Protein backbone atom coordinates (compact mmCIF):
# COMPACT_ATOMS: atom_id res chain seq x y z
CA MET A 1 35.29 88.38 -287.36
CA ALA A 2 38.62 87.38 -285.87
CA GLU A 3 39.46 88.81 -282.44
CA LEU A 4 41.99 91.24 -283.90
CA LYS A 5 39.45 92.57 -286.39
CA ILE A 6 36.90 93.01 -283.56
CA ARG A 7 39.37 95.13 -281.57
CA GLN A 8 40.14 97.15 -284.69
CA TYR A 9 36.43 97.60 -285.35
CA ASP A 10 35.78 99.01 -281.86
CA LEU A 11 38.63 101.51 -282.19
CA LEU A 12 37.58 102.53 -285.69
CA VAL A 13 33.96 103.18 -284.65
CA THR A 14 35.24 105.57 -281.99
CA SER A 15 37.37 107.35 -284.60
CA ILE A 16 34.42 107.59 -287.00
CA HIS A 17 32.31 109.32 -284.36
CA ALA A 18 35.12 111.80 -283.70
CA VAL A 19 35.19 113.13 -287.27
CA VAL A 20 31.65 114.46 -286.98
CA LEU A 21 32.76 117.28 -284.69
CA GLU A 22 36.33 117.50 -285.98
CA PRO A 23 36.37 117.15 -289.80
CA THR A 24 40.17 117.55 -289.83
CA LYS A 25 40.38 114.03 -288.43
CA TRP A 26 39.11 112.42 -291.65
CA ASP A 27 42.67 111.92 -292.92
CA HIS A 28 43.65 110.15 -289.70
CA LEU A 29 40.49 108.01 -289.81
CA LEU A 30 41.17 106.91 -293.38
CA ARG A 31 44.72 105.97 -292.47
CA ARG A 32 43.54 103.87 -289.53
CA ILE A 33 40.95 102.05 -291.65
CA GLY A 34 43.62 101.55 -294.32
CA GLU A 35 45.99 100.02 -291.78
CA ALA A 36 43.28 97.58 -290.68
CA ILE A 37 42.90 96.23 -294.24
CA ASP A 38 46.54 96.64 -295.37
CA ALA A 39 45.78 99.42 -297.84
CA THR A 40 48.64 101.65 -298.99
CA SER A 41 46.41 104.62 -299.74
CA GLY A 42 42.84 105.80 -299.42
CA GLY A 43 40.55 108.69 -300.16
CA PHE A 44 37.22 110.19 -299.25
CA TYR A 45 35.43 112.82 -301.26
CA LEU A 46 32.16 114.63 -300.96
CA ARG A 47 30.52 116.16 -304.00
CA ASP A 48 27.30 117.71 -305.20
CA LYS A 49 25.69 115.17 -307.48
CA HIS A 50 25.20 117.76 -310.21
CA ALA A 51 28.82 118.95 -310.08
CA SER A 52 31.67 117.22 -311.82
CA LYS A 53 34.39 117.96 -309.26
CA PRO A 54 34.48 116.97 -305.57
CA ARG A 55 34.04 119.81 -303.11
CA GLN A 56 35.80 118.16 -300.17
CA TRP A 57 38.81 115.81 -300.17
CA HIS A 58 40.49 113.75 -297.46
CA SER A 59 43.16 111.18 -298.15
CA PHE A 60 46.34 109.39 -297.14
CA GLY A 61 49.10 107.87 -299.26
CA HIS A 62 48.35 110.10 -302.28
CA SER A 63 50.39 113.03 -303.50
CA GLU A 64 48.66 116.37 -303.94
CA GLN A 65 49.46 116.23 -307.65
CA SER A 66 47.84 112.82 -308.11
CA LEU A 67 44.70 114.00 -306.32
CA ALA A 68 44.57 117.13 -308.47
CA ASN A 69 44.99 115.08 -311.63
CA TYR A 70 42.22 112.73 -310.57
CA ALA A 71 39.80 115.58 -309.82
CA ASP A 72 40.66 117.49 -313.02
CA ARG A 73 41.04 114.70 -315.59
CA TYR A 74 40.18 111.22 -314.43
CA VAL A 75 37.19 111.25 -312.09
CA SER A 76 34.80 111.23 -315.04
CA MET A 77 36.39 108.14 -316.58
CA ASP A 78 36.83 106.12 -313.37
CA PRO A 79 35.03 102.79 -314.07
CA TRP A 80 34.90 101.94 -310.38
CA THR A 81 32.80 105.02 -309.51
CA MET A 82 30.41 104.14 -312.32
CA ILE A 83 29.80 100.75 -310.69
CA VAL A 84 29.63 102.13 -307.15
CA ASN A 85 27.00 104.68 -308.20
CA ARG A 86 24.77 101.78 -309.26
CA THR A 87 25.40 99.92 -306.00
CA PRO A 88 23.37 100.44 -302.78
CA VAL A 89 24.82 102.83 -300.22
CA GLY A 90 27.16 101.04 -297.84
CA GLU A 91 27.87 98.07 -300.10
CA TRP A 92 31.60 97.66 -300.71
CA VAL A 93 32.84 96.94 -304.23
CA ALA A 94 36.26 95.40 -304.91
CA GLU A 95 37.85 95.94 -308.31
CA HIS A 96 38.71 92.26 -308.88
CA GLN A 97 34.98 91.47 -308.87
CA HIS A 98 34.59 93.48 -312.07
CA PHE A 99 37.96 94.21 -313.66
CA ASP A 100 40.26 91.37 -314.62
CA ASP A 101 43.82 91.75 -315.95
CA ALA A 102 42.58 91.89 -319.55
CA PHE A 103 40.27 94.82 -318.71
CA VAL A 104 43.02 96.64 -316.81
CA ALA A 105 45.44 96.21 -319.72
CA LYS A 106 43.06 98.03 -322.07
CA ASN A 107 41.36 100.51 -319.77
CA GLU A 108 42.49 104.14 -320.09
CA PHE A 109 41.85 104.98 -316.43
CA PHE A 110 44.04 102.15 -315.14
CA GLN A 111 46.74 102.69 -317.74
CA ARG A 112 46.97 106.47 -317.48
CA TYR A 113 46.17 107.07 -313.80
CA MET A 114 46.14 104.02 -311.52
CA LEU A 115 49.24 102.13 -312.62
CA PRO A 116 51.49 105.21 -313.17
CA ASN A 117 50.68 106.20 -309.57
CA GLY A 118 51.55 102.74 -308.22
CA LEU A 119 47.92 101.66 -307.74
CA ARG A 120 46.11 98.53 -308.86
CA ARG A 121 43.87 96.97 -306.23
CA LEU A 122 40.80 98.92 -305.12
CA ILE A 123 37.85 98.57 -302.77
CA GLY A 124 35.31 101.23 -301.91
CA THR A 125 31.73 102.25 -301.37
CA ARG A 126 29.23 105.05 -301.77
CA ALA A 127 29.11 105.83 -298.08
CA PHE A 128 26.37 108.45 -298.21
CA ASP A 129 23.79 109.79 -300.66
CA ASP A 130 20.93 112.13 -299.73
CA GLY A 131 19.92 112.88 -303.30
CA ARG A 132 21.90 116.11 -303.44
CA VAL A 133 25.28 115.19 -301.99
CA GLU A 134 27.17 111.92 -302.12
CA ALA A 135 30.30 110.66 -300.40
CA LEU A 136 32.63 108.02 -301.84
CA ILE A 137 35.35 106.20 -299.91
CA GLY A 138 38.00 104.04 -301.52
CA PHE A 139 41.19 102.22 -300.51
CA GLN A 140 44.00 101.05 -302.77
CA ARG A 141 46.94 98.64 -302.93
CA GLY A 142 49.84 98.42 -305.34
CA PRO A 143 50.20 96.34 -308.54
CA ASP A 144 51.91 93.41 -306.78
CA ALA A 145 49.43 93.15 -303.90
CA GLU A 146 46.68 90.60 -303.47
CA PRO A 147 43.04 91.69 -303.97
CA PHE A 148 41.15 92.79 -300.88
CA SER A 149 39.86 89.74 -299.01
CA ASP A 150 36.44 88.71 -297.77
CA SER A 151 37.52 89.50 -294.18
CA ASP A 152 38.51 93.02 -295.30
CA THR A 153 35.09 93.42 -296.90
CA GLU A 154 33.37 92.12 -293.75
CA LEU A 155 35.12 94.67 -291.54
CA LEU A 156 34.33 97.52 -293.92
CA THR A 157 30.70 96.42 -294.21
CA ARG A 158 30.31 96.53 -290.44
CA LEU A 159 31.71 100.06 -290.47
CA SER A 160 29.33 101.24 -293.22
CA PRO A 161 26.39 102.35 -291.00
CA HIS A 162 28.75 104.41 -288.84
CA LEU A 163 30.41 105.96 -291.88
CA GLU A 164 27.03 106.84 -293.39
CA LEU A 165 25.89 108.52 -290.16
CA ALA A 166 29.18 110.41 -289.88
CA CYS A 167 28.82 111.64 -293.47
CA ARG A 168 25.20 112.65 -292.92
CA LEU A 169 26.00 114.58 -289.74
CA SER A 170 29.14 116.13 -291.22
CA THR A 171 27.15 117.32 -294.24
CA GLU A 172 24.44 118.81 -292.05
CA PHE A 173 26.94 120.49 -289.72
CA SER A 174 28.77 121.92 -292.72
CA ARG A 175 25.50 123.34 -294.05
CA LEU A 176 24.64 124.82 -290.65
CA ARG A 177 28.11 126.34 -290.27
CA MET A 178 27.75 127.98 -293.66
CA GLN A 179 24.30 129.32 -292.81
CA ALA A 180 25.58 130.64 -289.48
CA ALA A 181 28.55 132.31 -291.16
CA VAL A 182 26.33 133.95 -293.79
CA ALA A 183 23.84 135.09 -291.16
CA ARG A 184 26.62 136.45 -288.97
CA GLN A 185 28.16 138.31 -291.90
CA ALA A 186 24.79 139.79 -292.84
CA LEU A 187 24.08 140.93 -289.28
CA ASP A 188 27.57 142.39 -288.92
CA ARG A 189 27.00 144.50 -292.05
CA LEU A 190 24.02 146.22 -290.43
CA ALA A 191 24.67 149.64 -288.96
CA ALA A 192 22.05 148.94 -286.30
CA PRO A 193 23.23 147.34 -283.02
CA ILE A 194 21.52 143.99 -282.43
CA TRP A 195 21.55 141.81 -279.31
CA VAL A 196 19.91 138.54 -278.33
CA LEU A 197 19.31 138.42 -274.57
CA ASP A 198 17.60 136.21 -272.05
CA GLY A 199 15.06 137.55 -269.59
CA ASP A 200 17.81 138.66 -267.18
CA GLY A 201 19.62 140.65 -269.84
CA ARG A 202 22.43 138.12 -270.38
CA VAL A 203 23.94 138.56 -273.83
CA LEU A 204 23.84 135.46 -276.03
CA PHE A 205 24.67 137.25 -279.28
CA ALA A 206 25.77 140.70 -280.39
CA ASN A 207 26.56 141.86 -283.90
CA HIS A 208 29.58 143.99 -284.78
CA ALA A 209 27.72 147.29 -284.34
CA ALA A 210 26.60 146.21 -280.86
CA ASP A 211 30.11 145.11 -279.87
CA GLU A 212 31.80 148.24 -281.19
CA GLY A 213 29.30 151.02 -280.61
CA GLY A 214 26.61 149.78 -278.28
CA LEU A 215 23.91 152.14 -277.07
CA PRO A 216 24.18 155.47 -275.23
CA GLY A 217 23.91 154.97 -271.48
CA MET A 218 24.14 151.20 -271.74
CA ALA A 219 26.98 148.72 -271.41
CA VAL A 220 27.60 145.01 -271.09
CA ARG A 221 28.89 144.19 -267.62
CA GLN A 222 29.66 140.65 -266.53
CA GLY A 223 27.80 139.36 -269.55
CA ARG A 224 24.60 141.39 -269.01
CA LEU A 225 23.30 144.44 -270.87
CA LEU A 226 22.69 147.11 -268.23
CA ALA A 227 21.53 150.74 -268.33
CA ASP A 228 23.28 153.45 -266.31
CA ALA A 229 20.20 155.53 -265.53
CA PRO A 230 17.84 153.89 -262.97
CA ALA A 231 14.73 154.88 -264.92
CA VAL A 232 16.07 153.46 -268.18
CA HIS A 233 17.24 150.31 -266.40
CA ALA A 234 13.78 149.85 -264.88
CA ARG A 235 12.15 150.29 -268.29
CA LEU A 236 14.57 147.80 -269.92
CA THR A 237 13.96 145.26 -267.15
CA SER A 238 10.20 145.68 -267.59
CA LEU A 239 10.42 145.19 -271.35
CA LEU A 240 12.59 142.06 -270.95
CA THR A 241 10.09 140.63 -268.48
CA GLN A 242 7.23 141.48 -270.82
CA ALA A 243 8.96 139.89 -273.80
CA THR A 244 9.77 136.64 -271.96
CA SER A 245 6.46 136.19 -270.15
CA ARG A 246 3.91 133.55 -271.10
CA THR A 247 1.96 136.17 -273.08
CA ALA A 248 5.11 137.62 -274.65
CA GLN A 249 4.74 141.10 -276.14
CA SER A 250 6.99 143.51 -277.96
CA GLY A 251 7.83 146.98 -276.79
CA ALA A 252 10.24 149.82 -277.38
CA LEU A 253 12.68 151.93 -275.43
CA ALA A 254 13.56 155.52 -276.36
CA LEU A 255 17.13 156.65 -275.68
CA GLU A 256 18.59 160.15 -275.91
CA ARG A 257 21.94 160.52 -277.69
CA GLN A 258 24.60 162.96 -276.55
CA ASP A 259 23.98 165.09 -279.65
CA GLY A 260 20.33 165.46 -278.71
CA GLY A 261 19.06 162.88 -281.21
CA ARG A 262 16.95 159.87 -280.35
CA LEU A 263 17.29 156.14 -280.76
CA THR A 264 14.42 153.69 -280.75
CA VAL A 265 15.30 150.28 -279.31
CA LEU A 266 12.82 147.59 -280.28
CA VAL A 267 12.50 144.83 -277.66
CA ALA A 268 10.73 141.80 -279.06
CA PRO A 269 10.41 138.11 -278.14
CA LEU A 270 12.14 135.66 -280.45
CA PRO A 271 9.64 133.24 -281.99
CA ALA A 272 9.30 129.94 -280.13
CA GLY A 273 10.36 128.13 -283.31
CA SER A 274 13.67 129.98 -283.52
CA PRO A 275 16.69 127.63 -283.35
CA LEU A 276 18.19 129.94 -280.73
CA VAL A 277 15.19 129.49 -278.45
CA ALA A 278 15.12 125.73 -278.99
CA ASP A 279 18.83 125.49 -278.25
CA SER A 280 18.75 127.56 -275.06
CA GLN A 281 15.41 126.06 -273.88
CA ARG A 282 14.29 129.40 -272.49
CA PRO A 283 12.56 132.52 -273.84
CA LEU A 284 14.88 134.93 -275.60
CA VAL A 285 14.60 138.55 -276.64
CA LEU A 286 15.84 140.49 -279.64
CA LEU A 287 16.99 144.08 -279.11
CA MET A 288 17.39 146.12 -282.26
CA ALA A 289 18.25 149.82 -282.29
CA HIS A 290 16.80 152.16 -284.89
CA ASP A 291 18.25 155.60 -285.56
CA PRO A 292 15.59 157.68 -287.38
CA SER A 293 18.26 160.13 -288.57
CA ALA A 294 20.59 157.49 -290.06
CA SER A 295 20.83 157.04 -293.79
CA ASP A 296 21.90 153.40 -293.58
CA ALA A 297 19.40 150.60 -293.89
CA GLN A 298 17.58 150.18 -290.55
CA PRO A 299 14.95 147.78 -289.20
CA LEU A 300 12.04 149.95 -290.30
CA ASP A 301 13.43 149.94 -293.82
CA VAL A 302 12.89 146.20 -293.65
CA LEU A 303 9.23 146.87 -292.94
CA ALA A 304 9.10 149.19 -295.90
CA ALA A 305 10.48 146.45 -298.13
CA LEU A 306 8.17 143.79 -296.69
CA TYR A 307 4.92 145.74 -296.76
CA GLY A 308 5.56 148.68 -299.05
CA LEU A 309 5.28 151.23 -296.24
CA SER A 310 6.11 154.80 -297.15
CA PRO A 311 8.84 156.73 -295.25
CA ALA A 312 6.13 158.66 -293.40
CA GLU A 313 4.39 155.43 -292.43
CA CYS A 314 7.69 153.99 -291.20
CA ARG A 315 8.25 157.07 -289.00
CA LEU A 316 4.75 156.67 -287.60
CA ALA A 317 5.34 152.95 -287.00
CA ALA A 318 8.49 153.75 -285.01
CA LEU A 319 6.55 156.05 -282.67
CA LEU A 320 3.65 153.65 -282.27
CA LEU A 321 6.07 150.82 -281.45
CA GLU A 322 7.52 153.07 -278.74
CA GLY A 323 4.05 153.30 -277.21
CA TRP A 324 2.96 156.76 -278.36
CA THR A 325 -0.73 157.26 -279.15
CA PRO A 326 -1.83 158.46 -282.61
CA ALA A 327 -2.49 161.94 -281.17
CA GLU A 328 0.93 162.07 -279.49
CA SER A 329 2.56 160.77 -282.67
CA ALA A 330 0.85 163.48 -284.69
CA GLU A 331 2.24 166.11 -282.34
CA ARG A 332 5.77 164.71 -282.51
CA LEU A 333 5.61 164.41 -286.30
CA GLN A 334 4.08 167.90 -286.54
CA VAL A 335 1.13 166.73 -288.63
CA GLN A 336 -2.62 166.65 -288.13
CA VAL A 337 -4.19 163.76 -286.24
CA SER A 338 -6.32 163.16 -289.33
CA THR A 339 -3.11 162.63 -291.33
CA VAL A 340 -1.93 160.02 -288.83
CA ARG A 341 -5.30 158.24 -288.98
CA THR A 342 -5.13 158.24 -292.80
CA GLN A 343 -1.63 156.75 -292.62
CA LEU A 344 -2.89 154.13 -290.16
CA LYS A 345 -5.67 153.11 -292.53
CA SER A 346 -3.13 152.82 -295.34
CA MET A 347 -0.93 150.63 -293.12
CA PHE A 348 -3.93 148.43 -292.22
CA TRP A 349 -4.66 147.92 -295.90
CA LYS A 350 -1.03 147.19 -296.84
CA THR A 351 -0.53 144.70 -294.02
CA GLY A 352 -3.98 143.08 -293.98
CA THR A 353 -4.66 144.12 -290.37
CA HIS A 354 -7.69 145.88 -288.88
CA ARG A 355 -6.68 147.28 -285.49
CA GLN A 356 -3.68 149.17 -284.16
CA GLY A 357 -2.72 146.44 -281.69
CA GLU A 358 -2.86 143.84 -284.45
CA LEU A 359 -0.72 146.06 -286.67
CA MET A 360 1.91 146.59 -283.96
CA LYS A 361 2.14 142.86 -283.27
CA LEU A 362 2.60 142.15 -286.98
CA LEU A 363 5.23 144.84 -287.53
CA SER A 364 7.32 143.85 -284.51
CA GLY A 365 7.10 140.20 -285.49
CA ALA A 366 8.04 140.96 -289.09
CA LEU A 367 11.42 142.17 -287.89
CA LEU A 368 12.14 138.64 -286.65
CA LEU A 369 11.21 136.64 -289.74
CA LYS A 370 14.78 135.82 -290.71
CA VAL A 371 16.25 135.44 -287.24
């Protein structure tokens, strides 16, 4: 490549890398590539391969109306995209290699869309294709311009691996952002306060209920979840240490509400395979409050859905997760110990476990399946 093209290439590669984290810069990137090859306009679109219309557009030199017309009426008849879709990813296709003046004079796409919008010359590529999503990039010149040259194609070809990587990463980041938004919305709809903490009680995540309501006798101070009462604080610290130790175990904390009711706070280690744990590179803990008197969906209702536990079995599970023995649970539930043992056997059968410790480990872990 000529020295000027080499300098342009270096600057363009830097711009390509920037769009991965800032998708709004695609328009600027396209314009800069267009300037390097003397294009008057350009476009990039991302689409699901099974959908007819693009789901993401970036462009320069096109009016909004012309883009809308292309997406609504002309994308399905574009002969260039038909050729590009049969061409390997990253290989640039110029229109003059396939469409001569005689073809253009008779072709509906050129006559009804390209030429009326001041477009004639075209070069582009299928920049990315993972089997589900594909990205196409194209640049145009007017009717009186020369076709794109071999040096233009050489520059674009050298940019292709960087464009493909940018498209791949942008697609993945977009998917992750959507998943995070959906997960956040789902967690914010829960009435139960939820926190993700490290072993020192530092808050990494809190849902809306945790931010707005919190827990009685607890507050976030300087980024840490702290309890006002020394005994409760000591118990919370012990549970956090237990949940982040090498032999991590779940536990529960009982809190008294001002109205005399009780809250059960489950304290459980996040699975080692959780993206949150991998990202922070340290053990993390999930705190999830359960209000036995609430009518809204609560964590133990999740257990009921997962394992078919009855309401009575869910109430028993809550006490056992707090550390109460079967006899103590029977007293608190005002039932016979034999009733509790019958419920335990039913829970063993429904969950495929055989001992109480095994059951408690399974139930506390089940609450983290979707985290």
